[in-house]
Each structure stands twice: as structure tokens, then as C-alpha cells.
Amino acid sequence: MPFCLRSLLRRFAEDCRGSVSVEFLLMVPLLFWTYMACYVYFDGFRQSDLNLKAAYAIADMISRETTAVNPDYIDSMEKVLRLMTRAETPLKLRVTVVRWDGTDNRYYVYWSENRGYDAPRTDADMAALASRLPVMPDGEYVILIETKVSYEPPFDVGIKTTDLDNFVFTRPRFGPKVDWSAS
């Protein structure tokens, strides 16, 4: 009997039938998680890229203006941002026209308007942003576009909801500056 039991155990240990099925069942959760993680990472980069492209498009549209920009125009830029990013989460847009004063050696806000942010930019904010703004000649104006869109991952793979911020600036194209009209 011991010989027969030993023989049966040896045959069982050497038998490899069905091992592929067991290995497959053990690996399926890992493969599925990896696929979902790749999808979420790709989707996050796609959303970040859409947000950046939308910010550049808004900056380009405003830079081409030859007449004064008004609140309705900024509202329409917010709609453009929402359309281009396909955002279902709250988004923020701030448009600021900044002037460099070479005599005072600092940036000044010519006008600023926002949608979703707490407040428009002020001259005091420019000191903190000076390292992020371009070097400009005296009296030069630049249009600063700031956007923020929240990205919520479609699956929980370890990435939390993230704010995608953009800080884009461009020069006015057809005039020295873009003016503001409150009406």
C-alpha cells in the first residue's frame, strides 16, 4: 500500500495537465488591472493635452482681437474651453492683460477677468508670477490665459482626482494691446 500511495503522489506531482488554466485564472486580475491602469493614464494625458490646446486656442483668439473684449466675449471663451476639453467637471478660466514697465522694473495688470476663479489678477499678484512671465521690452503687453480643469479618472487604479492647470501667454497680434470694455 505505501508503494501504491507513493506512486500516486509522484504521478500527481508530475502531472501538468490543467496548469495553464490555473495560471490564467491567477493572472487575469493582474492583466485586467494593468489594462485599466494604462487606459486611465492615457486618458489623463489626453485630458491634459486637450486642456493645454484649449488654452492656446483661447490665447490665439484673444490675441487677434482689434476691438475691445467684453464680458460676453469672456463667457464665450469659457464655452470654448468647455467644448474643447469636453469637461463635465467645474472648470476655471482667467484672462489677464499684463504690461511691463521698465522704469519700475515690474509687471502691471492692464485688465483681468475670470470665470470660476476666486478673483481676477491684481498688480500684487504679478510680483509672485514674475518668474513665470516672459522678458519684455518697456511698455509691451502680453495676454495671460490661465485654465483649470479637474480630471476624474474613470476607474480607481490609484490615481486621485487631479486639477490640470495651464498658464499660457501670448502677444497681441494686430495692435499693441487688447482693450477691455465693461459693456
N, C-alpha and C. Protein backbone atom coordinates (compact mmCIF):
# COMPACT_ATOMS: atom_id res chain seq x y z
N MET A 1 0.79 -1.18 0.00
CA MET A 1 0.00 0.00 0.00
C MET A 1 0.85 1.27 0.00
N PRO A 2 1.89 1.34 0.85
CA PRO A 2 2.69 2.54 0.83
C PRO A 2 3.30 2.79 -0.54
N PHE A 3 3.67 1.70 -1.23
CA PHE A 3 4.26 1.86 -2.55
C PHE A 3 3.23 2.44 -3.52
N CYS A 4 2.04 1.98 -3.44
CA CYS A 4 0.97 2.46 -4.33
C CYS A 4 0.64 3.93 -4.03
N LEU A 5 0.61 4.31 -2.76
CA LEU A 5 0.33 5.71 -2.39
C LEU A 5 1.45 6.62 -2.86
N ARG A 6 2.70 6.15 -2.67
CA ARG A 6 3.85 6.92 -3.14
C ARG A 6 3.80 7.09 -4.67
N SER A 7 3.43 6.08 -5.35
CA SER A 7 3.33 6.13 -6.81
C SER A 7 2.24 7.11 -7.25
N LEU A 8 1.12 7.08 -6.56
CA LEU A 8 0.03 8.01 -6.88
C LEU A 8 0.44 9.47 -6.62
N LEU A 9 1.10 9.71 -5.51
CA LEU A 9 1.55 11.09 -5.20
C LEU A 9 2.58 11.59 -6.20
N ARG A 10 3.49 10.70 -6.61
CA ARG A 10 4.50 11.08 -7.60
C ARG A 10 3.83 11.42 -8.94
N ARG A 11 2.88 10.61 -9.36
CA ARG A 11 2.18 10.88 -10.62
C ARG A 11 1.41 12.21 -10.53
N PHE A 12 0.79 12.46 -9.37
CA PHE A 12 0.04 13.72 -9.19
C PHE A 12 0.98 14.93 -9.26
N ALA A 13 2.15 14.84 -8.64
CA ALA A 13 3.11 15.95 -8.63
C ALA A 13 3.68 16.20 -10.01
N GLU A 14 3.86 15.17 -10.80
CA GLU A 14 4.45 15.32 -12.13
C GLU A 14 3.41 15.67 -13.18
N ASP A 15 2.15 15.53 -12.86
CA ASP A 15 1.08 15.81 -13.83
C ASP A 15 0.96 17.32 -14.03
N CYS A 16 1.01 17.78 -15.28
CA CYS A 16 0.91 19.22 -15.54
C CYS A 16 -0.33 19.55 -16.37
N ARG A 17 -1.25 18.65 -16.47
CA ARG A 17 -2.50 18.94 -17.17
C ARG A 17 -3.31 19.94 -16.36
N GLY A 18 -3.85 20.97 -17.03
CA GLY A 18 -4.67 21.97 -16.35
C GLY A 18 -3.90 23.09 -15.72
N SER A 19 -2.58 23.07 -15.73
CA SER A 19 -1.82 24.13 -15.08
C SER A 19 -1.93 25.46 -15.82
N VAL A 20 -2.12 25.42 -17.13
CA VAL A 20 -2.29 26.66 -17.90
C VAL A 20 -3.58 27.36 -17.47
N SER A 21 -4.62 26.61 -17.26
CA SER A 21 -5.89 27.20 -16.83
C SER A 21 -5.76 27.84 -15.46
N VAL A 22 -5.06 27.19 -14.56
CA VAL A 22 -4.88 27.74 -13.22
C VAL A 22 -4.02 29.01 -13.28
N GLU A 23 -2.94 28.97 -14.05
CA GLU A 23 -2.09 30.16 -14.19
C GLU A 23 -2.86 31.31 -14.82
N PHE A 24 -3.69 30.99 -15.79
CA PHE A 24 -4.50 32.03 -16.42
C PHE A 24 -5.44 32.67 -15.41
N LEU A 25 -6.11 31.86 -14.60
CA LEU A 25 -7.02 32.39 -13.60
C LEU A 25 -6.29 33.24 -12.56
N LEU A 26 -5.05 32.88 -12.26
CA LEU A 26 -4.28 33.68 -11.31
C LEU A 26 -3.83 35.01 -11.92
N MET A 27 -3.58 35.05 -13.22
CA MET A 27 -3.05 36.25 -13.86
C MET A 27 -4.11 37.20 -14.39
N VAL A 28 -5.34 36.74 -14.60
CA VAL A 28 -6.40 37.58 -15.16
C VAL A 28 -6.60 38.86 -14.36
N PRO A 29 -6.71 38.84 -13.04
CA PRO A 29 -6.89 40.11 -12.32
C PRO A 29 -5.74 41.09 -12.53
N LEU A 30 -4.52 40.60 -12.55
CA LEU A 30 -3.37 41.48 -12.77
C LEU A 30 -3.39 42.06 -14.18
N LEU A 31 -3.69 41.24 -15.17
CA LEU A 31 -3.78 41.73 -16.55
C LEU A 31 -4.89 42.75 -16.70
N PHE A 32 -6.04 42.48 -16.09
CA PHE A 32 -7.17 43.41 -16.17
C PHE A 32 -6.82 44.74 -15.50
N TRP A 33 -6.21 44.70 -14.32
CA TRP A 33 -5.81 45.94 -13.65
C TRP A 33 -4.80 46.71 -14.49
N THR A 34 -3.82 46.02 -15.08
CA THR A 34 -2.82 46.68 -15.91
C THR A 34 -3.47 47.36 -17.11
N TYR A 35 -4.41 46.68 -17.74
CA TYR A 35 -5.12 47.28 -18.87
C TYR A 35 -5.88 48.53 -18.43
N MET A 36 -6.58 48.45 -17.33
CA MET A 36 -7.34 49.61 -16.82
C MET A 36 -6.40 50.76 -16.44
N ALA A 37 -5.27 50.45 -15.81
CA ALA A 37 -4.31 51.48 -15.43
C ALA A 37 -3.75 52.18 -16.67
N CYS A 38 -3.42 51.41 -17.70
CA CYS A 38 -2.93 52.02 -18.95
C CYS A 38 -3.99 52.93 -19.55
N TYR A 39 -5.24 52.49 -19.54
CA TYR A 39 -6.32 53.31 -20.06
C TYR A 39 -6.46 54.61 -19.28
N VAL A 40 -6.43 54.54 -17.95
CA VAL A 40 -6.57 55.74 -17.11
C VAL A 40 -5.41 56.70 -17.32
N TYR A 41 -4.18 56.18 -17.38
CA TYR A 41 -3.03 57.05 -17.61
C TYR A 41 -3.12 57.73 -18.98
N PHE A 42 -3.47 56.98 -20.00
CA PHE A 42 -3.62 57.55 -21.33
C PHE A 42 -4.72 58.60 -21.34
N ASP A 43 -5.84 58.31 -20.69
CA ASP A 43 -6.96 59.25 -20.65
C ASP A 43 -6.57 60.52 -19.90
N GLY A 44 -5.79 60.41 -18.84
CA GLY A 44 -5.33 61.59 -18.11
C GLY A 44 -4.43 62.47 -18.96
N PHE A 45 -3.50 61.86 -19.68
CA PHE A 45 -2.63 62.63 -20.57
C PHE A 45 -3.43 63.26 -21.71
N ARG A 46 -4.43 62.54 -22.21
CA ARG A 46 -5.29 63.10 -23.26
C ARG A 46 -6.03 64.33 -22.75
N GLN A 47 -6.59 64.23 -21.54
CA GLN A 47 -7.32 65.36 -20.97
C GLN A 47 -6.39 66.54 -20.73
N SER A 48 -5.19 66.28 -20.25
CA SER A 48 -4.21 67.35 -20.04
C SER A 48 -3.87 68.04 -21.36
N ASP A 49 -3.70 67.25 -22.40
CA ASP A 49 -3.38 67.80 -23.72
C ASP A 49 -4.54 68.63 -24.27
N LEU A 50 -5.78 68.15 -24.10
CA LEU A 50 -6.95 68.91 -24.54
C LEU A 50 -7.03 70.25 -23.81
N ASN A 51 -6.75 70.24 -22.53
CA ASN A 51 -6.79 71.47 -21.74
C ASN A 51 -5.74 72.46 -22.23
N LEU A 52 -4.55 71.98 -22.50
CA LEU A 52 -3.48 72.86 -22.99
C LEU A 52 -3.82 73.42 -24.37
N LYS A 53 -4.33 72.58 -25.26
CA LYS A 53 -4.70 73.05 -26.60
C LYS A 53 -5.82 74.09 -26.53
N ALA A 54 -6.76 73.88 -25.63
CA ALA A 54 -7.85 74.85 -25.47
C ALA A 54 -7.31 76.18 -24.96
N ALA A 55 -6.37 76.15 -24.03
CA ALA A 55 -5.78 77.38 -23.51
C ALA A 55 -5.05 78.14 -24.62
N TYR A 56 -4.29 77.42 -25.45
CA TYR A 56 -3.61 78.06 -26.57
C TYR A 56 -4.59 78.62 -27.59
N ALA A 57 -5.68 77.90 -27.85
CA ALA A 57 -6.68 78.39 -28.80
C ALA A 57 -7.33 79.67 -28.30
N ILE A 58 -7.65 79.72 -27.01
CA ILE A 58 -8.25 80.92 -26.44
C ILE A 58 -7.27 82.08 -26.50
N ALA A 59 -6.02 81.81 -26.15
CA ALA A 59 -4.99 82.86 -26.22
C ALA A 59 -4.85 83.38 -27.65
N ASP A 60 -4.88 82.48 -28.62
CA ASP A 60 -4.75 82.89 -30.02
C ASP A 60 -5.95 83.72 -30.46
N MET A 61 -7.16 83.33 -30.07
CA MET A 61 -8.35 84.10 -30.46
C MET A 61 -8.32 85.50 -29.86
N ILE A 62 -7.97 85.60 -28.59
CA ILE A 62 -7.94 86.92 -27.96
C ILE A 62 -6.82 87.77 -28.54
N SER A 63 -5.70 87.15 -28.88
CA SER A 63 -4.57 87.92 -29.42
C SER A 63 -4.90 88.55 -30.77
N ARG A 64 -5.87 88.03 -31.48
CA ARG A 64 -6.25 88.56 -32.80
C ARG A 64 -7.31 89.65 -32.73
N GLU A 65 -7.81 89.94 -31.54
CA GLU A 65 -8.86 90.95 -31.40
C GLU A 65 -8.31 92.36 -31.65
N THR A 66 -9.05 93.12 -32.44
CA THR A 66 -8.69 94.53 -32.69
C THR A 66 -9.67 95.47 -32.00
N THR A 67 -10.79 94.93 -31.53
CA THR A 67 -11.75 95.72 -30.76
C THR A 67 -11.69 95.27 -29.31
N ALA A 68 -12.33 96.05 -28.46
CA ALA A 68 -12.29 95.75 -27.02
C ALA A 68 -13.03 94.45 -26.71
N VAL A 69 -12.49 93.72 -25.78
CA VAL A 69 -13.09 92.48 -25.29
C VAL A 69 -14.07 92.85 -24.18
N ASN A 70 -15.21 92.15 -24.12
CA ASN A 70 -16.21 92.46 -23.09
C ASN A 70 -16.59 91.18 -22.34
N PRO A 71 -17.44 91.28 -21.31
CA PRO A 71 -17.81 90.09 -20.53
C PRO A 71 -18.45 88.98 -21.36
N ASP A 72 -19.25 89.34 -22.38
CA ASP A 72 -19.86 88.32 -23.23
C ASP A 72 -18.78 87.53 -23.98
N TYR A 73 -17.72 88.21 -24.39
CA TYR A 73 -16.62 87.54 -25.09
C TYR A 73 -15.93 86.54 -24.16
N ILE A 74 -15.71 86.94 -22.92
CA ILE A 74 -15.08 86.03 -21.95
C ILE A 74 -16.01 84.84 -21.66
N ASP A 75 -17.32 85.09 -21.59
CA ASP A 75 -18.28 83.99 -21.42
C ASP A 75 -18.19 83.01 -22.58
N SER A 76 -18.06 83.54 -23.79
CA SER A 76 -17.95 82.66 -24.95
C SER A 76 -16.62 81.89 -24.92
N MET A 77 -15.56 82.49 -24.39
CA MET A 77 -14.29 81.77 -24.26
C MET A 77 -14.40 80.63 -23.25
N GLU A 78 -15.20 80.85 -22.21
CA GLU A 78 -15.44 79.78 -21.25
C GLU A 78 -16.19 78.62 -21.92
N LYS A 79 -17.12 78.95 -22.80
CA LYS A 79 -17.85 77.91 -23.54
C LYS A 79 -16.91 77.17 -24.49
N VAL A 80 -15.98 77.90 -25.11
CA VAL A 80 -14.99 77.27 -25.98
C VAL A 80 -14.12 76.30 -25.16
N LEU A 81 -13.71 76.75 -23.99
CA LEU A 81 -12.90 75.89 -23.12
C LEU A 81 -13.66 74.62 -22.76
N ARG A 82 -14.92 74.76 -22.39
CA ARG A 82 -15.72 73.60 -22.03
C ARG A 82 -15.91 72.67 -23.23
N LEU A 83 -16.15 73.25 -24.40
CA LEU A 83 -16.36 72.44 -25.60
C LEU A 83 -15.08 71.71 -25.99
N MET A 84 -13.95 72.39 -25.96
CA MET A 84 -12.70 71.77 -26.39
C MET A 84 -12.18 70.73 -25.40
N THR A 85 -12.42 70.93 -24.12
CA THR A 85 -11.94 69.96 -23.12
C THR A 85 -12.96 68.86 -22.85
N ARG A 86 -14.19 69.07 -23.30
CA ARG A 86 -15.28 68.12 -23.04
C ARG A 86 -15.44 67.86 -21.55
N ALA A 87 -15.21 68.92 -20.78
CA ALA A 87 -15.22 68.78 -19.32
C ALA A 87 -16.64 68.74 -18.78
N GLU A 88 -16.87 67.78 -17.92
CA GLU A 88 -18.14 67.71 -17.21
C GLU A 88 -17.97 68.20 -15.78
N THR A 89 -16.73 68.41 -15.38
CA THR A 89 -16.43 68.90 -14.04
C THR A 89 -16.32 70.43 -14.11
N PRO A 90 -16.36 71.11 -12.97
CA PRO A 90 -16.20 72.56 -12.99
C PRO A 90 -14.85 72.95 -13.60
N LEU A 91 -14.85 74.01 -14.39
CA LEU A 91 -13.60 74.50 -14.96
C LEU A 91 -13.45 75.97 -14.64
N LYS A 92 -12.21 76.45 -14.78
CA LYS A 92 -11.91 77.84 -14.46
C LYS A 92 -11.13 78.46 -15.61
N LEU A 93 -11.39 79.74 -15.84
CA LEU A 93 -10.70 80.49 -16.89
C LEU A 93 -10.42 81.89 -16.36
N ARG A 94 -9.18 82.34 -16.55
CA ARG A 94 -8.84 83.71 -16.18
C ARG A 94 -8.02 84.29 -17.33
N VAL A 95 -8.45 85.48 -17.80
CA VAL A 95 -7.76 86.20 -18.87
C VAL A 95 -7.23 87.49 -18.27
N THR A 96 -5.94 87.72 -18.43
CA THR A 96 -5.30 88.91 -17.88
C THR A 96 -4.39 89.51 -18.94
N VAL A 97 -4.49 90.82 -19.11
CA VAL A 97 -3.55 91.52 -19.98
C VAL A 97 -2.56 92.24 -19.06
N VAL A 98 -1.28 91.94 -19.28
CA VAL A 98 -0.21 92.40 -18.39
C VAL A 98 0.72 93.32 -19.17
N ARG A 99 1.17 94.38 -18.51
CA ARG A 99 2.11 95.33 -19.12
C ARG A 99 3.40 95.35 -18.32
N TRP A 100 4.54 95.40 -19.02
CA TRP A 100 5.84 95.52 -18.37
C TRP A 100 6.24 96.98 -18.33
N ASP A 101 6.63 97.46 -17.16
CA ASP A 101 7.13 98.82 -17.00
C ASP A 101 8.61 98.74 -16.68
N GLY A 102 9.44 99.13 -17.65
CA GLY A 102 10.89 99.05 -17.47
C GLY A 102 11.41 100.03 -16.44
N THR A 103 10.74 101.18 -16.27
CA THR A 103 11.17 102.17 -15.28
C THR A 103 11.01 101.62 -13.87
N ASP A 104 9.84 101.05 -13.60
CA ASP A 104 9.58 100.47 -12.27
C ASP A 104 10.12 99.06 -12.14
N ASN A 105 10.49 98.46 -13.27
CA ASN A 105 11.03 97.11 -13.30
C ASN A 105 10.04 96.09 -12.72
N ARG A 106 8.78 96.18 -13.19
CA ARG A 106 7.75 95.26 -12.72
C ARG A 106 6.60 95.17 -13.71
N TYR A 107 5.77 94.16 -13.49
CA TYR A 107 4.60 93.93 -14.32
C TYR A 107 3.38 94.60 -13.67
N TYR A 108 2.48 95.12 -14.53
CA TYR A 108 1.22 95.70 -14.06
C TYR A 108 0.07 95.04 -14.80
N VAL A 109 -1.06 94.89 -14.11
CA VAL A 109 -2.26 94.35 -14.74
C VAL A 109 -2.98 95.48 -15.45
N TYR A 110 -3.19 95.31 -16.77
CA TYR A 110 -3.96 96.29 -17.54
C TYR A 110 -5.45 96.02 -17.34
N TRP A 111 -5.85 94.78 -17.49
CA TRP A 111 -7.19 94.33 -17.09
C TRP A 111 -7.16 92.82 -16.86
N SER A 112 -8.10 92.35 -16.07
CA SER A 112 -8.19 90.92 -15.77
C SER A 112 -9.65 90.55 -15.57
N GLU A 113 -10.02 89.42 -16.10
CA GLU A 113 -11.39 88.93 -15.98
C GLU A 113 -11.32 87.42 -15.76
N ASN A 114 -12.21 86.90 -14.93
CA ASN A 114 -12.17 85.48 -14.64
C ASN A 114 -13.55 84.86 -14.63
N ARG A 115 -13.55 83.55 -14.84
CA ARG A 115 -14.76 82.74 -14.72
C ARG A 115 -14.36 81.50 -13.91
N GLY A 116 -14.90 81.41 -12.69
CA GLY A 116 -14.64 80.25 -11.85
C GLY A 116 -13.56 80.46 -10.81
N TYR A 117 -12.57 81.30 -11.08
CA TYR A 117 -11.54 81.59 -10.08
C TYR A 117 -12.11 82.51 -9.02
N ASP A 118 -11.43 82.58 -7.86
CA ASP A 118 -11.91 83.42 -6.76
C ASP A 118 -11.91 84.90 -7.12
N ALA A 119 -10.87 85.35 -7.81
CA ALA A 119 -10.74 86.77 -8.12
C ALA A 119 -9.87 86.97 -9.35
N PRO A 120 -10.05 88.10 -10.02
CA PRO A 120 -9.14 88.42 -11.12
C PRO A 120 -7.74 88.74 -10.58
N ARG A 121 -6.77 88.74 -11.46
CA ARG A 121 -5.39 89.07 -11.07
C ARG A 121 -5.28 90.55 -10.74
N THR A 122 -4.36 90.86 -9.81
CA THR A 122 -4.09 92.24 -9.43
C THR A 122 -2.60 92.51 -9.60
N ASP A 123 -2.21 93.77 -9.45
CA ASP A 123 -0.79 94.13 -9.54
C ASP A 123 0.03 93.38 -8.49
N ALA A 124 -0.54 93.15 -7.32
CA ALA A 124 0.18 92.44 -6.26
C ALA A 124 0.48 90.99 -6.67
N ASP A 125 -0.41 90.38 -7.46
CA ASP A 125 -0.18 89.01 -7.93
C ASP A 125 0.99 88.93 -8.90
N MET A 126 1.24 90.00 -9.62
CA MET A 126 2.27 89.97 -10.67
C MET A 126 3.67 89.78 -10.11
N ALA A 127 3.92 90.26 -8.91
CA ALA A 127 5.25 90.07 -8.30
C ALA A 127 5.52 88.59 -8.09
N ALA A 128 4.50 87.85 -7.67
CA ALA A 128 4.67 86.41 -7.45
C ALA A 128 4.79 85.65 -8.77
N LEU A 129 4.20 86.17 -9.83
CA LEU A 129 4.23 85.50 -11.13
C LEU A 129 5.38 85.95 -12.02
N ALA A 130 6.18 86.88 -11.56
CA ALA A 130 7.23 87.48 -12.40
C ALA A 130 8.17 86.43 -12.99
N SER A 131 8.49 85.40 -12.26
CA SER A 131 9.41 84.38 -12.77
C SER A 131 8.78 83.52 -13.86
N ARG A 132 7.46 83.50 -13.94
CA ARG A 132 6.76 82.71 -14.96
C ARG A 132 6.40 83.51 -16.19
N LEU A 133 6.56 84.83 -16.14
CA LEU A 133 6.21 85.70 -17.27
C LEU A 133 7.43 85.94 -18.15
N PRO A 134 7.21 86.26 -19.41
CA PRO A 134 8.35 86.43 -20.32
C PRO A 134 9.07 87.76 -20.10
N VAL A 135 10.30 87.81 -20.57
CA VAL A 135 11.06 89.07 -20.58
C VAL A 135 10.49 89.91 -21.71
N MET A 136 10.16 91.18 -21.42
CA MET A 136 9.50 92.02 -22.42
C MET A 136 10.16 93.39 -22.45
N PRO A 137 10.06 94.08 -23.59
CA PRO A 137 10.55 95.46 -23.64
C PRO A 137 9.60 96.40 -22.89
N ASP A 138 10.07 97.57 -22.57
CA ASP A 138 9.30 98.55 -21.81
C ASP A 138 8.00 98.90 -22.54
N GLY A 139 6.89 98.87 -21.81
CA GLY A 139 5.60 99.23 -22.36
C GLY A 139 4.93 98.12 -23.16
N GLU A 140 5.52 96.96 -23.24
CA GLU A 140 4.96 95.84 -24.00
C GLU A 140 3.83 95.17 -23.21
N TYR A 141 2.83 94.67 -23.92
CA TYR A 141 1.69 93.97 -23.32
C TYR A 141 1.73 92.49 -23.69
N VAL A 142 1.22 91.67 -22.80
CA VAL A 142 1.11 90.24 -23.05
C VAL A 142 -0.24 89.77 -22.49
N ILE A 143 -0.83 88.80 -23.18
CA ILE A 143 -2.11 88.23 -22.75
C ILE A 143 -1.81 86.93 -22.00
N LEU A 144 -2.29 86.84 -20.79
CA LEU A 144 -2.06 85.68 -19.94
C LEU A 144 -3.38 84.91 -19.81
N ILE A 145 -3.35 83.64 -20.16
CA ILE A 145 -4.53 82.78 -20.04
C ILE A 145 -4.22 81.70 -19.01
N GLU A 146 -5.09 81.59 -18.02
CA GLU A 146 -4.97 80.54 -17.01
C GLU A 146 -6.23 79.69 -17.05
N THR A 147 -6.05 78.38 -17.13
CA THR A 147 -7.19 77.47 -17.12
C THR A 147 -6.97 76.40 -16.07
N LYS A 148 -8.06 75.90 -15.56
CA LYS A 148 -8.01 74.79 -14.60
C LYS A 148 -9.22 73.90 -14.86
N VAL A 149 -8.94 72.63 -15.11
CA VAL A 149 -9.98 71.63 -15.32
C VAL A 149 -9.66 70.45 -14.40
N SER A 150 -10.64 69.93 -13.72
CA SER A 150 -10.45 68.76 -12.87
C SER A 150 -10.57 67.49 -13.71
N TYR A 151 -9.65 66.57 -13.47
CA TYR A 151 -9.71 65.27 -14.15
C TYR A 151 -10.10 64.22 -13.13
N GLU A 152 -11.20 63.55 -13.41
CA GLU A 152 -11.65 62.45 -12.56
C GLU A 152 -11.43 61.15 -13.32
N PRO A 153 -10.55 60.28 -12.82
CA PRO A 153 -10.28 59.03 -13.53
C PRO A 153 -11.54 58.17 -13.63
N PRO A 154 -11.73 57.51 -14.77
CA PRO A 154 -12.94 56.68 -14.92
C PRO A 154 -12.91 55.39 -14.09
N PHE A 155 -11.71 54.95 -13.70
CA PHE A 155 -11.56 53.73 -12.88
C PHE A 155 -10.60 54.03 -11.74
N ASP A 156 -10.78 53.33 -10.62
CA ASP A 156 -9.90 53.51 -9.48
C ASP A 156 -8.69 52.60 -9.62
N VAL A 157 -7.58 53.18 -10.09
CA VAL A 157 -6.34 52.42 -10.22
C VAL A 157 -5.22 53.10 -9.43
N GLY A 158 -5.60 53.94 -8.48
CA GLY A 158 -4.60 54.59 -7.64
C GLY A 158 -4.35 56.06 -7.98
N ILE A 159 -5.04 56.58 -8.98
CA ILE A 159 -4.90 58.00 -9.33
C ILE A 159 -6.10 58.73 -8.77
N LYS A 160 -5.84 59.82 -8.08
CA LYS A 160 -6.92 60.61 -7.48
C LYS A 160 -7.38 61.68 -8.47
N THR A 161 -8.49 62.32 -8.17
CA THR A 161 -8.95 63.45 -8.97
C THR A 161 -7.88 64.53 -8.93
N THR A 162 -7.52 65.04 -10.10
CA THR A 162 -6.40 65.96 -10.24
C THR A 162 -6.84 67.23 -10.96
N ASP A 163 -6.34 68.37 -10.51
CA ASP A 163 -6.57 69.62 -11.22
C ASP A 163 -5.48 69.80 -12.27
N LEU A 164 -5.90 70.02 -13.50
CA LEU A 164 -4.97 70.26 -14.59
C LEU A 164 -4.91 71.76 -14.84
N ASP A 165 -3.80 72.38 -14.45
CA ASP A 165 -3.62 73.83 -14.57
C ASP A 165 -2.79 74.15 -15.80
N ASN A 166 -3.14 75.23 -16.47
CA ASN A 166 -2.33 75.74 -17.57
C ASN A 166 -2.12 77.23 -17.40
N PHE A 167 -0.96 77.67 -17.82
CA PHE A 167 -0.52 79.06 -17.71
C PHE A 167 0.10 79.40 -19.07
N VAL A 168 -0.65 80.08 -19.93
CA VAL A 168 -0.23 80.34 -21.30
C VAL A 168 -0.23 81.84 -21.53
N PHE A 169 0.79 82.34 -22.22
CA PHE A 169 0.79 83.76 -22.56
C PHE A 169 1.16 83.94 -24.02
N THR A 170 0.66 85.04 -24.58
CA THR A 170 0.94 85.38 -25.97
C THR A 170 0.84 86.89 -26.16
N ARG A 171 1.47 87.38 -27.21
CA ARG A 171 1.43 88.81 -27.51
C ARG A 171 0.21 89.13 -28.36
N PRO A 172 -0.33 90.34 -28.25
CA PRO A 172 -1.37 90.76 -29.19
C PRO A 172 -0.80 90.80 -30.60
N ARG A 173 -1.56 90.36 -31.58
CA ARG A 173 -1.04 90.24 -32.94
C ARG A 173 -1.20 91.50 -33.77
N PHE A 174 -2.36 92.13 -33.71
CA PHE A 174 -2.67 93.22 -34.65
C PHE A 174 -2.70 94.59 -34.01
N GLY A 175 -2.21 94.72 -32.82
CA GLY A 175 -2.18 96.01 -32.13
C GLY A 175 -1.27 95.90 -30.93
N PRO A 176 -1.02 97.02 -30.27
CA PRO A 176 -0.12 96.97 -29.13
C PRO A 176 -0.72 96.28 -27.91
N LYS A 177 -2.08 96.29 -27.81
CA LYS A 177 -2.73 95.69 -26.64
C LYS A 177 -4.17 95.33 -26.99
N VAL A 178 -4.77 94.51 -26.16
CA VAL A 178 -6.18 94.18 -26.27
C VAL A 178 -6.90 94.95 -25.17
N ASP A 179 -7.86 95.76 -25.56
CA ASP A 179 -8.58 96.60 -24.60
C ASP A 179 -9.77 95.85 -23.99
N TRP A 180 -10.27 96.43 -22.90
CA TRP A 180 -11.43 95.88 -22.17
C TRP A 180 -12.58 96.87 -22.22
N SER A 181 -13.77 96.34 -22.42
CA SER A 181 -14.98 97.16 -22.37
C SER A 181 -15.95 96.46 -21.44
N ALA A 182 -16.40 97.17 -20.42
CA ALA A 182 -17.30 96.56 -19.43
C ALA A 182 -18.69 96.31 -19.98
N SER A 183 -19.01 96.88 -21.12
CA SER A 183 -20.37 96.68 -21.67
C SER A 183 -20.38 95.74 -22.85
